[in-house]
Amino acid sequence: MSEDRHIAFICSKGDLDMAYPALVMGWAALGNGIDVTIFFTFWGMDIINKKRQAHLELSPITKTSMKMSMMGLPTGNLGIPNILSIIPGMTAFTSWFMKKKIKDVGAPPVGEYLEMLIDGGAKLYACKMSVDMFGLSMDDFVDGVEAIVTAGDFMDMTDGAQIIFI
């Protein structure tokens, strides 16, 4: 790892599509010799939560730019009308479809990506305030999460790093 380069990601959202940016960019950074730290806060802790990780979802109601063409439907650049999001099963369908698309491009599932990052030397931390708010403990997190730290601790650990908020 380069002592000169450090990148830190703050993961605040636990949706399936919001898990991947830090995982992909973190893996790319490790491959370029950059020190990687990831801080999980609020719903982003679902990414490292043993019970939630395999159940991350993608709700179409919150994705106003989700294109029908992404789903293989010949509608040009039309987004999925928000009204369709209320149909029972749409979140399950869009989650299944996104996982299929992720697999089709050869990207690993979230848990496997985290293992790769940990094995590659990335440091993962959970936010103390969020842990306290949600009544969680280290036992709730996947192996490889180093500690539960305060936002101030995270700032001290990542002094001089490029910080990306997701």
Protein backbone atom coordinates (compact mmCIF):
# COMPACT_ATOMS: atom_id res chain seq x y z
CA MET A 1 0.00 0.00 0.00
CA SER A 2 1.18 3.47 -0.76
CA GLU A 3 1.62 5.55 2.36
CA ASP A 4 0.99 8.62 0.24
CA ARG A 5 -2.42 7.68 -1.12
CA HIS A 6 -5.48 7.00 1.00
CA ILE A 7 -9.14 6.92 0.06
CA ALA A 8 -12.05 6.62 2.46
CA PHE A 9 -15.65 5.85 1.63
CA ILE A 10 -18.63 6.68 3.81
CA CYS A 11 -21.48 4.27 3.04
CA SER A 12 -24.75 5.70 4.31
CA LYS A 13 -27.26 3.77 2.19
CA GLY A 14 -28.07 0.08 2.27
CA ASP A 15 -29.82 -0.28 -1.08
CA LEU A 16 -28.35 -2.88 -3.41
CA ASP A 17 -27.26 -0.31 -5.97
CA MET A 18 -25.66 1.89 -3.29
CA ALA A 19 -23.52 -0.95 -1.93
CA TYR A 20 -21.53 -1.39 -5.12
CA PRO A 21 -19.92 2.03 -5.69
CA ALA A 22 -17.65 1.79 -2.63
CA LEU A 23 -16.97 -1.90 -3.24
CA VAL A 24 -15.98 -1.41 -6.87
CA MET A 25 -13.97 1.76 -6.30
CA GLY A 26 -12.38 0.34 -3.14
CA TRP A 27 -11.25 -2.76 -5.01
CA ALA A 28 -9.87 -0.63 -7.85
CA ALA A 29 -8.03 1.54 -5.33
CA LEU A 30 -6.46 -1.48 -3.62
CA GLY A 31 -5.34 -2.71 -7.03
CA ASN A 32 -3.58 0.62 -7.52
CA GLY A 33 -1.79 0.46 -4.18
CA ILE A 34 -4.08 2.93 -2.45
CA ASP A 35 -4.94 2.47 1.23
CA VAL A 36 -8.73 1.97 1.61
CA THR A 37 -10.99 2.66 4.59
CA ILE A 38 -14.76 2.21 4.53
CA PHE A 39 -17.04 3.68 7.20
CA PHE A 40 -20.59 2.31 7.35
CA THR A 41 -23.24 4.53 8.90
CA PHE A 42 -27.03 4.59 9.15
CA TRP A 43 -28.60 2.24 6.56
CA GLY A 44 -25.18 1.62 5.02
CA MET A 45 -24.55 -0.74 7.92
CA ASP A 46 -26.90 -3.21 6.18
CA ILE A 47 -23.97 -3.89 3.84
CA ILE A 48 -21.94 -5.34 6.73
CA ASN A 49 -24.85 -6.68 8.80
CA LYS A 50 -24.86 -10.51 8.79
CA LYS A 51 -28.66 -10.69 8.76
CA ARG A 52 -29.25 -7.94 6.16
CA GLN A 53 -26.39 -8.30 3.70
CA ALA A 54 -27.89 -11.07 1.57
CA HIS A 55 -31.22 -9.23 1.49
CA LEU A 56 -30.23 -5.83 0.09
CA GLU A 57 -32.95 -4.56 -2.23
CA LEU A 58 -33.51 -2.10 -5.04
CA SER A 59 -36.83 -0.30 -4.85
CA PRO A 60 -37.90 1.29 -8.14
CA ILE A 61 -39.90 3.99 -6.34
CA THR A 62 -36.72 5.69 -5.19
CA LYS A 63 -34.95 5.33 -8.53
CA THR A 64 -36.58 7.91 -10.75
CA SER A 65 -33.93 7.49 -13.45
CA MET A 66 -34.26 3.69 -13.70
CA LYS A 67 -34.79 3.03 -17.38
CA MET A 68 -37.22 0.51 -18.81
CA SER A 69 -34.61 -0.20 -21.49
CA MET A 70 -32.31 -1.46 -18.74
CA MET A 71 -34.85 -4.21 -18.22
CA GLY A 72 -34.78 -5.15 -21.88
CA LEU A 73 -38.03 -3.42 -22.76
CA PRO A 74 -37.99 -1.43 -26.02
CA THR A 75 -39.09 1.92 -24.60
CA GLY A 76 -36.11 4.12 -25.36
CA ASN A 77 -35.22 6.37 -22.47
CA LEU A 78 -38.48 6.12 -20.56
CA GLY A 79 -38.15 5.63 -16.86
CA ILE A 80 -40.28 3.17 -14.92
CA PRO A 81 -43.40 5.14 -14.04
CA ASN A 82 -43.51 5.62 -10.28
CA ILE A 83 -47.05 4.26 -10.17
CA LEU A 84 -45.72 0.82 -11.20
CA SER A 85 -43.58 0.81 -8.07
CA ILE A 86 -46.65 0.22 -5.91
CA ILE A 87 -47.41 -3.09 -7.62
CA PRO A 88 -46.75 -5.92 -5.17
CA GLY A 89 -43.51 -7.66 -6.01
CA MET A 90 -41.86 -4.77 -7.92
CA THR A 91 -39.09 -4.35 -5.34
CA ALA A 92 -38.44 -8.10 -5.38
CA PHE A 93 -38.42 -8.06 -9.19
CA THR A 94 -36.08 -5.07 -9.54
CA SER A 95 -33.80 -6.52 -6.84
CA TRP A 96 -33.67 -9.89 -8.61
CA PHE A 97 -33.07 -8.19 -11.93
CA MET A 98 -30.22 -6.01 -10.59
CA LYS A 99 -28.56 -9.03 -8.99
CA LYS A 100 -28.81 -10.82 -12.33
CA LYS A 101 -27.27 -7.86 -14.17
CA ILE A 102 -24.46 -7.69 -11.59
CA LYS A 103 -23.78 -11.41 -12.01
CA ASP A 104 -23.93 -11.10 -15.82
CA VAL A 105 -21.05 -8.60 -15.81
CA GLY A 106 -19.00 -10.90 -13.58
CA ALA A 107 -19.15 -8.81 -10.42
CA PRO A 108 -19.28 -10.80 -7.19
CA PRO A 109 -22.12 -10.54 -4.69
CA VAL A 110 -21.75 -8.01 -1.86
CA GLY A 111 -20.46 -10.53 0.70
CA GLU A 112 -17.79 -11.85 -1.61
CA TYR A 113 -16.73 -8.32 -2.57
CA LEU A 114 -16.32 -7.45 1.12
CA GLU A 115 -14.19 -10.57 1.65
CA MET A 116 -11.99 -9.56 -1.28
CA LEU A 117 -11.59 -6.05 0.14
CA ILE A 118 -10.76 -7.34 3.61
CA ASP A 119 -8.28 -9.87 2.22
CA GLY A 120 -6.75 -7.06 0.15
CA GLY A 121 -6.16 -4.92 3.23
CA ALA A 122 -9.13 -2.56 3.29
CA LYS A 123 -10.20 -1.40 6.74
CA LEU A 124 -13.92 -1.53 7.53
CA TYR A 125 -15.58 0.32 10.41
CA ALA A 126 -19.12 0.72 11.76
CA CYS A 127 -20.39 4.08 13.03
CA LYS A 128 -20.82 4.14 16.81
CA MET A 129 -23.76 6.53 16.81
CA SER A 130 -25.65 4.41 14.27
CA VAL A 131 -24.76 1.19 16.09
CA ASP A 132 -26.11 2.68 19.33
CA MET A 133 -29.26 4.01 17.62
CA PHE A 134 -30.07 0.63 16.05
CA GLY A 135 -29.09 -1.47 19.09
CA LEU A 136 -26.34 -3.36 17.25
CA SER A 137 -22.99 -4.75 18.34
CA MET A 138 -19.87 -6.21 16.72
CA ASP A 139 -21.61 -9.61 16.77
CA ASP A 140 -24.08 -8.29 14.18
CA PHE A 141 -21.35 -7.56 11.62
CA VAL A 142 -19.51 -9.77 9.16
CA ASP A 143 -16.00 -10.91 9.99
CA GLY A 144 -13.45 -8.34 8.97
CA VAL A 145 -15.16 -5.26 10.38
CA GLU A 146 -12.34 -3.94 12.53
CA ALA A 147 -14.22 -1.86 15.09
CA ILE A 148 -17.10 0.39 15.96
CA VAL A 149 -15.77 3.95 15.91
CA THR A 150 -17.07 7.48 16.31
CA ALA A 151 -17.24 9.93 13.44
CA GLY A 152 -14.39 11.80 15.12
CA ASP A 153 -12.27 8.63 15.23
CA PHE A 154 -12.97 8.10 11.53
CA MET A 155 -11.85 11.65 10.75
CA ASP A 156 -8.63 11.11 12.70
CA MET A 157 -7.98 7.76 10.96
CA THR A 158 -8.50 9.24 7.52
CA ASP A 159 -6.66 12.54 7.97
CA GLY A 160 -5.37 13.57 4.55
CA ALA A 161 -7.43 10.94 2.71
CA GLN A 162 -9.72 11.59 -0.19
CA ILE A 163 -13.21 11.05 1.28
CA ILE A 164 -16.13 9.94 -0.85
CA PHE A 165 -19.66 10.01 0.60
CA ILE A 166 -22.09 7.48 -0.86
